[in-house]
Amino acid sequence: MTARVDNVALSRPGRRKACDLCVTKKIKCDMIQPTCSNCVLYKAACTTGKPRRKTANSSAKVRAAHQMTKTCVAGCEGTDERLARIESQLEMLIALQNPQPAREARTWSRSDSSTGQHGAHSTSSDMQSDVISGSQYSMILGNTATSWDNDLLSDDDFPLPPMAETIPIVEHYFATFSAMVPLFDKASFMRMLGHWFADPSSRNKATWAAIQVVLAIALRTPVPDHLHGNGGSFRHQKANFFLRNAQSVVSELVTREQDLLGLQVLLGLALLFQNSSDSSPASVIIGTAIRLAHRMGLHSREHDKFHSSEENLQRQRLFWIAYTLDKAGRAPYTLVALTNRKIAAPPDNIGVLFTRDRSSYFHYHRAMIHLAQLEGKVYEWLHSNVALKATRAVRQARVQRLDRMISHWYSSIPSVFRIENVTPSIGECEYIQMTKMYHTYLLVLVMTYSIDSQDDEWIHVIRSGDGNAVRDLIMGSSSLGSSDLHKHRINLSSGIWFKILETSRGCLRMFGECIPTECLVWQSCLPHFSGMMILLANLLIDPVHPDASADEAFSAKAIELFDRVVEFLPNPKGYAETRLIIAELHGRAVQALSDARSEAELDSSADVLPPNLLGFGGHDDDPWAWASGLPERFDMMPDSNLGRTDIAL
């Protein structure tokens, strides 16, 4: 009976089931009376203290908690009321001090413009959030000709300019840039844009970012006057602002595979960043876009059966745009062998340029794809780590093969669109795109024959100012060919040197006839300066050739361009040595030209060039207005520091 009672007592809640010793040593207690086995073993007194009683949830404490909650809620409501009252009083005070219409947006002042140079009105700090508020939009995007409705934008999670202001810019994008680089399909994009304004509840970050990219690209092209005063530095600051908005959500688009919007935004950002001082952000974005395109199956025709013909056309175009960007002067992420895509003729004439009378046309987009393939071959055969180990004979054979491929590419261009014949009459934006294409063509040539402005051997020889040494280096004389310094130098025939000269001369001429937009400057500057050095080097070799005066004038304008660009560099002192080399080369070339004139007693009046070849003048607006809109720093993602898009060579 006693044992049963004890067991019942031990099983009651709150009773100790172990003595003090067993509790302290954390061992199992058998609770044998009067002394448990463990206490006998340790020769200790077997005692059991009173257990701590659990605190019960009394009704009084519950009532107190409820009362405290009510007090906090009442306090919060009181605080909200006070804040609302203070805000209303501040608004009244501001209205009394500066009476203006309630719905009038703030204009873009010069102070805003100067602030925009250092981060697009300090939006770098705002990038901690996903999107930028409507009040910031009205402050940054307003100008004297465009009113941005504060009431419309303030409550919008994804703010955009009003539809009446957005549509003309989008139409300008599809009329100019998209006609040559079909990043978006116009019909589907316009449906998406209309649905955006018609149904705010269906808005998402991918659509918002796509619209931002289109606006940024459109405003970085020459904009007609009718687009509500979007000219000068204001236009470029707005473009930078739209670019930052798209950046702010890029981290959510790198894995978006349910549609093409994520890839389109990435490629648009790559296009924008590629025309900047530091292309490293573009390289990172392009690598991400290439991997996303492969995950989505854009590189293979096997996935076409899952999509409609319209979708397959857009998928094919996006793949080739990514492919073209991937080959732009860097180690590529993809190889031709990894794709079975064919370059088909466009059914809608997108990417095709026509003459004004439409008697001749040129497949610009297809030509850029083939040119990108040549860029990839030049890197793979001549500049990759494996290629650098090849013998001179192997490299010479590869160069000869590349030269045949390059000549075949150029011969496929209709005569009216070739570098010696093309004129601005094809259209302003079209001419800029052709100028960029031919600068890329020049880059392929100089990289093939290692006579670019970044080749140490080439710079070393032309800096000497010795025309014979320059001729020997180009033609690959035996004395230079036996030197270890020139073991990779490729021999040039007179025909190849003439082709490079004509291309350099044509590129500098075309550049002088274009409005120097930031995209043109940054995408073309390296081959442009290489062409300048080629023309100056040719003056050392032959200062009496018929185009000597024109070449000297072209080179002088290229040096002026270099000086203008350096003004906007984050570290202009780092280019002092390059500027010194250019000055030395130009001085020796001018001296050689002057000596040749003196000896031949040339008539200086015959050397006067037409005014349109001597500068960038003749444009209504300042062609360098875009420079004042450049931000001090751009981060590819809001939370990382991957590069700059201000300015550099």
Foldseek 3Di string as FASTA:
>chain_A
DVVVVVVVVCPDPQHDQAFPVCVVVVHHWPPDPPDTPVCVVVVHGGHHDGGDDDDDDDPVVVVVVVVVVVVVVVVVVVVVVVVVVVVVVVVVVVCVVPPDPPFFFDACDVVQLLCLQAPLVPCLVVLVDLADALNVVSHRQHHPQDGAGSVVGHPAPQDDGDPVLLVVLLVLLCVFVCLAQVLDDVVVLVVLVVCCVVPVVPDDLLNSLLSLLSNLVSLLFDDDPVSRNCDFQSSLSSSVVSLSSSQSCLVVLLQDQPACSSLSSLLSNLLQLLLFADSQLSQVSLLSSQVSLVVNPLQEPVCVVVDDPVRNVSSVSSNLSSLLSQLQPDQGPDAPVSGPDDDDDDPVSRSKFAAPVRPDIWNRSVLSSLLSNLSNLLCVQPPDPVNVPDFQVSLQVSLVVSVVSLVVSQVVGDPCLHLVHDDCNSDQSVLLSSLLVLLSSLVSLCSSQVQFPPRPVNLVQLLVLALVSNVCQAQVDPVVCVDPVCRNGHGDDPVSLVVSLVSLLSSLQSCLLHLPRSSSCRSRLRSNVSSLLSLLSVLSNPLPDPCNLLSLLSSVQNLVVVVVQLVFDPCSVVCPVVNVSSVSSSVSSVVSNVVVCVVVVDDVVVSDDPPSSRHNDDDPDDSCSNLSSFHPADASHSPDRRGGRRGHD
